[in-house]
Amino acid sequence: MSENEFKSGFFIGGEACEGRVLVVDDEPDIRKIVKMTLQKAGYEVLEAENGEKAIEVINSGENRLLLDVVICDIRMPKINGAEAVAYFRSNYPRVPLIVLTGFPDTDMATSFLRQGVVDYLVKPVEGEKLRSAVARAIEQRELARL
């Protein structure tokens, strides 16, 4: 094995994994597109259809230890994205957050970025933009560990 092969992430089931991403969105189609895009890039993807489910997912089993990035929609039923983001920021401050929304709002974007959200993406997001946002978020997390 060359040292290059060893560079990325950890191993899950014998396969190199770039990282584990939780996608929180109430639209199944959006979750599916994001999941496929990120899986092709080598990420393991978990899904939740709203903030409440996301909080369940992040608190279940080993997930809270192994989550690298959370991608979160804003307008959702039950616990909305702003509430979910606030929850993640206070309980999991080391997990980078990316906001993905269909309703761009400059003030909201500014406020989220001030709160430490890594990126604010607008749907429909291009695959390349999504992948680079996730890669950047994971890079920031790695730097935070140093």
C-alpha atoms as a PDB file:
ATOM      1  CA  MET A   1       0.000   0.000   0.000  1.00  0.00           C
ATOM      2  CA  SER A   2       1.471   3.350  -0.958  1.00  0.00           C
ATOM      3  CA  GLU A   3       1.345   6.125   1.607  1.00  0.00           C
ATOM      4  CA  ASN A   4      -1.051   8.060  -0.663  1.00  0.00           C
ATOM      5  CA  GLU A   5      -3.720   5.410  -0.284  1.00  0.00           C
ATOM      6  CA  PHE A   6      -3.492   5.789   3.444  1.00  0.00           C
ATOM      7  CA  LYS A   7      -3.920   9.538   3.445  1.00  0.00           C
ATOM      8  CA  SER A   8      -7.705   9.815   3.494  1.00  0.00           C
ATOM      9  CA  GLY A   9     -10.093   9.273   6.340  1.00  0.00           C
ATOM     10  CA  PHE A  10     -10.780   6.081   8.152  1.00  0.00           C
ATOM     11  CA  PHE A  11     -11.959   2.691   6.987  1.00  0.00           C
ATOM     12  CA  ILE A  12     -15.521   1.459   7.152  1.00  0.00           C
ATOM     13  CA  GLY A  13     -16.135  -2.126   6.141  1.00  0.00           C
ATOM     14  CA  GLY A  14     -12.726  -2.287   4.521  1.00  0.00           C
ATOM     15  CA  GLU A  15     -13.322   0.710   2.266  1.00  0.00           C
ATOM     16  CA  ALA A  16     -11.638   4.063   2.625  1.00  0.00           C
ATOM     17  CA  CYS A  17     -14.199   6.654   3.600  1.00  0.00           C
ATOM     18  CA  GLU A  18     -13.726  10.381   3.039  1.00  0.00           C
ATOM     19  CA  GLY A  19     -16.029  11.163   5.937  1.00  0.00           C
ATOM     20  CA  ARG A  20     -19.535  10.809   7.283  1.00  0.00           C
ATOM     21  CA  VAL A  21     -22.158  13.404   6.348  1.00  0.00           C
ATOM     22  CA  LEU A  22     -25.646  13.910   7.757  1.00  0.00           C
ATOM     23  CA  VAL A  23     -28.109  15.432   5.262  1.00  0.00           C
ATOM     24  CA  VAL A  24     -31.131  17.083   6.843  1.00  0.00           C
ATOM     25  CA  ASP A  25     -33.876  18.067   4.393  1.00  0.00           C
ATOM     26  CA  ASP A  26     -37.628  17.502   4.277  1.00  0.00           C
ATOM     27  CA  GLU A  27     -37.547  16.947   0.500  1.00  0.00           C
ATOM     28  CA  PRO A  28     -36.710  13.309  -0.324  1.00  0.00           C
ATOM     29  CA  ASP A  29     -35.534  14.279  -3.830  1.00  0.00           C
ATOM     30  CA  ILE A  30     -33.008  16.764  -2.465  1.00  0.00           C
ATOM     31  CA  ARG A  31     -31.719  14.205   0.049  1.00  0.00           C
ATOM     32  CA  LYS A  32     -31.391  11.650  -2.735  1.00  0.00           C
ATOM     33  CA  ILE A  33     -29.427  13.987  -5.036  1.00  0.00           C
ATOM     34  CA  VAL A  34     -27.129  15.162  -2.234  1.00  0.00           C
ATOM     35  CA  LYS A  35     -26.625  11.568  -1.059  1.00  0.00           C
ATOM     36  CA  MET A  36     -25.765  10.278  -4.557  1.00  0.00           C
ATOM     37  CA  THR A  37     -23.408  13.200  -5.225  1.00  0.00           C
ATOM     38  CA  LEU A  38     -21.539  12.687  -1.974  1.00  0.00           C
ATOM     39  CA  GLN A  39     -21.472   8.890  -2.109  1.00  0.00           C
ATOM     40  CA  LYS A  40     -19.851   9.089  -5.548  1.00  0.00           C
ATOM     41  CA  ALA A  41     -17.186  11.279  -3.947  1.00  0.00           C
ATOM     42  CA  GLY A  42     -16.552   8.614  -1.301  1.00  0.00           C
ATOM     43  CA  TYR A  43     -18.562   9.913   1.647  1.00  0.00           C
ATOM     44  CA  GLU A  44     -20.852   7.881   3.838  1.00  0.00           C
ATOM     45  CA  VAL A  45     -24.213   9.646   4.003  1.00  0.00           C
ATOM     46  CA  LEU A  46     -26.881   9.532   6.702  1.00  0.00           C
ATOM     47  CA  GLU A  47     -30.278  11.146   6.159  1.00  0.00           C
ATOM     48  CA  ALA A  48     -32.923  12.869   8.276  1.00  0.00           C
ATOM     49  CA  GLU A  49     -36.136  14.485   7.061  1.00  0.00           C
ATOM     50  CA  ASN A  50     -36.275  17.221   9.693  1.00  0.00           C
ATOM     51  CA  GLY A  51     -34.422  18.766  12.613  1.00  0.00           C
ATOM     52  CA  GLU A  52     -36.043  16.447  15.128  1.00  0.00           C
ATOM     53  CA  LYS A  53     -34.927  13.329  13.225  1.00  0.00           C
ATOM     54  CA  ALA A  54     -31.470  14.859  12.720  1.00  0.00           C
ATOM     55  CA  ILE A  55     -31.068  15.265  16.467  1.00  0.00           C
ATOM     56  CA  GLU A  56     -32.161  11.626  16.941  1.00  0.00           C
ATOM     57  CA  VAL A  57     -29.663  10.471  14.298  1.00  0.00           C
ATOM     58  CA  ILE A  58     -26.735  12.447  15.686  1.00  0.00           C
ATOM     59  CA  ASN A  59     -27.433  11.137  19.188  1.00  0.00           C
ATOM     60  CA  SER A  60     -27.827   7.487  18.241  1.00  0.00           C
ATOM     61  CA  GLY A  61     -25.128   4.867  18.552  1.00  0.00           C
ATOM     62  CA  GLU A  62     -21.663   5.883  17.420  1.00  0.00           C
ATOM     63  CA  ASN A  63     -22.900   8.639  15.112  1.00  0.00           C
ATOM     64  CA  ARG A  64     -22.045  11.446  17.492  1.00  0.00           C
ATOM     65  CA  LEU A  65     -18.439  10.377  17.518  1.00  0.00           C
ATOM     66  CA  LEU A  66     -18.166   9.872  13.805  1.00  0.00           C
ATOM     67  CA  LEU A  67     -20.087  12.666  12.153  1.00  0.00           C
ATOM     68  CA  ASP A  68     -17.843  14.892  10.043  1.00  0.00           C
ATOM     69  CA  VAL A  69     -20.294  17.347   8.494  1.00  0.00           C
ATOM     70  CA  VAL A  70     -23.987  18.248   8.785  1.00  0.00           C
ATOM     71  CA  ILE A  71     -25.801  19.679   5.741  1.00  0.00           C
ATOM     72  CA  CYS A  72     -29.041  21.282   6.853  1.00  0.00           C
ATOM     73  CA  ASP A  73     -32.061  22.770   5.112  1.00  0.00           C
ATOM     74  CA  ILE A  74     -33.745  25.736   6.806  1.00  0.00           C
ATOM     75  CA  ARG A  75     -37.470  25.531   6.094  1.00  0.00           C
ATOM     76  CA  MET A  76     -38.656  22.221   7.535  1.00  0.00           C
ATOM     77  CA  PRO A  77     -41.561  21.024   9.683  1.00  0.00           C
ATOM     78  CA  LYS A  78     -41.188  20.294  13.418  1.00  0.00           C
ATOM     79  CA  ILE A  79     -37.720  21.513  14.347  1.00  0.00           C
ATOM     80  CA  ASN A  80     -36.651  23.869  11.544  1.00  0.00           C
ATOM     81  CA  GLY A  81     -33.136  24.325  10.231  1.00  0.00           C
ATOM     82  CA  ALA A  82     -32.344  27.410  12.309  1.00  0.00           C
ATOM     83  CA  GLU A  83     -33.268  25.517  15.490  1.00  0.00           C
ATOM     84  CA  ALA A  84     -31.350  22.427  14.364  1.00  0.00           C
ATOM     85  CA  VAL A  85     -28.275  24.544  13.541  1.00  0.00           C
ATOM     86  CA  ALA A  86     -28.443  26.165  16.981  1.00  0.00           C
ATOM     87  CA  TYR A  87     -28.702  22.715  18.590  1.00  0.00           C
ATOM     88  CA  PHE A  88     -25.725  21.344  16.641  1.00  0.00           C
ATOM     89  CA  ARG A  89     -23.616  24.446  17.323  1.00  0.00           C
ATOM     90  CA  SER A  90     -24.162  24.200  21.076  1.00  0.00           C
ATOM     91  CA  ASN A  91     -24.011  20.410  21.485  1.00  0.00           C
ATOM     92  CA  TYR A  92     -21.554  19.447  18.737  1.00  0.00           C
ATOM     93  CA  PRO A  93     -19.436  22.569  18.216  1.00  0.00           C
ATOM     94  CA  ARG A  94     -16.705  20.617  16.411  1.00  0.00           C
ATOM     95  CA  VAL A  95     -18.994  19.278  13.675  1.00  0.00           C
ATOM     96  CA  PRO A  96     -18.979  21.710  10.735  1.00  0.00           C
ATOM     97  CA  LEU A  97     -22.370  22.806   9.424  1.00  0.00           C
ATOM     98  CA  ILE A  98     -23.410  23.652   5.897  1.00  0.00           C
ATOM     99  CA  VAL A  99     -26.770  25.314   5.273  1.00  0.00           C
ATOM    100  CA  LEU A 100     -28.584  24.275   2.069  1.00  0.00           C
ATOM    101  CA  THR A 101     -31.689  26.314   1.320  1.00  0.00           C
ATOM    102  CA  GLY A 102     -34.168  26.962  -1.469  1.00  0.00           C
ATOM    103  CA  PHE A 103     -34.861  30.450  -0.130  1.00  0.00           C
ATOM    104  CA  PRO A 104     -31.712  32.565  -0.289  1.00  0.00           C
ATOM    105  CA  ASP A 105     -31.700  35.407   2.188  1.00  0.00           C
ATOM    106  CA  THR A 106     -28.618  37.593   2.561  1.00  0.00           C
ATOM    107  CA  ASP A 107     -29.341  38.583   6.156  1.00  0.00           C
ATOM    108  CA  MET A 108     -29.934  34.985   7.140  1.00  0.00           C
ATOM    109  CA  ALA A 109     -26.787  33.871   5.329  1.00  0.00           C
ATOM    110  CA  THR A 110     -24.730  36.520   7.127  1.00  0.00           C
ATOM    111  CA  SER A 111     -26.213  35.580  10.472  1.00  0.00           C
ATOM    112  CA  PHE A 112     -25.506  31.855   9.931  1.00  0.00           C
ATOM    113  CA  LEU A 113     -21.946  32.515   8.809  1.00  0.00           C
ATOM    114  CA  ARG A 114     -21.427  34.669  11.909  1.00  0.00           C
ATOM    115  CA  GLN A 115     -22.652  31.758  14.023  1.00  0.00           C
ATOM    116  CA  GLY A 116     -19.888  29.630  12.539  1.00  0.00           C
ATOM    117  CA  VAL A 117     -21.743  27.848   9.735  1.00  0.00           C
ATOM    118  CA  VAL A 118     -19.090  26.857   7.188  1.00  0.00           C
ATOM    119  CA  ASP A 119     -21.099  27.444   4.030  1.00  0.00           C
ATOM    120  CA  TYR A 120     -24.477  28.694   2.853  1.00  0.00           C
ATOM    121  CA  LEU A 121     -25.553  26.954  -0.357  1.00  0.00           C
ATOM    122  CA  VAL A 122     -28.637  27.644  -2.459  1.00  0.00           C
ATOM    123  CA  LYS A 123     -30.715  24.881  -4.082  1.00  0.00           C
ATOM    124  CA  PRO A 124     -30.430  23.533  -6.651  1.00  0.00           C
ATOM    125  CA  VAL A 125     -26.762  23.200  -5.778  1.00  0.00           C
ATOM    126  CA  GLU A 126     -24.238  22.005  -8.367  1.00  0.00           C
ATOM    127  CA  GLY A 127     -22.525  18.745  -7.478  1.00  0.00           C
ATOM    128  CA  GLU A 128     -19.083  20.322  -7.702  1.00  0.00           C
ATOM    129  CA  LYS A 129     -20.032  23.157  -5.363  1.00  0.00           C
ATOM    130  CA  LEU A 130     -21.525  20.695  -2.883  1.00  0.00           C
ATOM    131  CA  ARG A 131     -18.470  18.426  -2.935  1.00  0.00           C
ATOM    132  CA  SER A 132     -16.045  21.301  -2.460  1.00  0.00           C
ATOM    133  CA  ALA A 133     -18.119  22.746   0.419  1.00  0.00           C
ATOM    134  CA  VAL A 134     -18.063  19.360   2.186  1.00  0.00           C
ATOM    135  CA  ALA A 135     -14.335  18.907   1.533  1.00  0.00           C
ATOM    136  CA  ARG A 136     -13.669  22.402   2.926  1.00  0.00           C
ATOM    137  CA  ALA A 137     -15.792  21.697   6.001  1.00  0.00           C
ATOM    138  CA  ILE A 138     -13.907  18.457   6.692  1.00  0.00           C
ATOM    139  CA  GLU A 139     -10.596  20.262   6.194  1.00  0.00           C
ATOM    140  CA  GLN A 140     -11.655  22.859   8.779  1.00  0.00           C
ATOM    141  CA  ARG A 141     -12.584  20.095  11.165  1.00  0.00           C
ATOM    142  CA  GLU A 142      -9.176  18.478  10.704  1.00  0.00           C
ATOM    143  CA  LEU A 143      -7.486  21.818  11.421  1.00  0.00           C
ATOM    144  CA  ALA A 144      -9.614  22.277  14.544  1.00  0.00           C
ATOM    145  CA  ARG A 145      -8.280  18.965  15.869  1.00  0.00           C
ATOM    146  CA  LEU A 146      -4.659  20.084  15.665  1.00  0.00           C
END
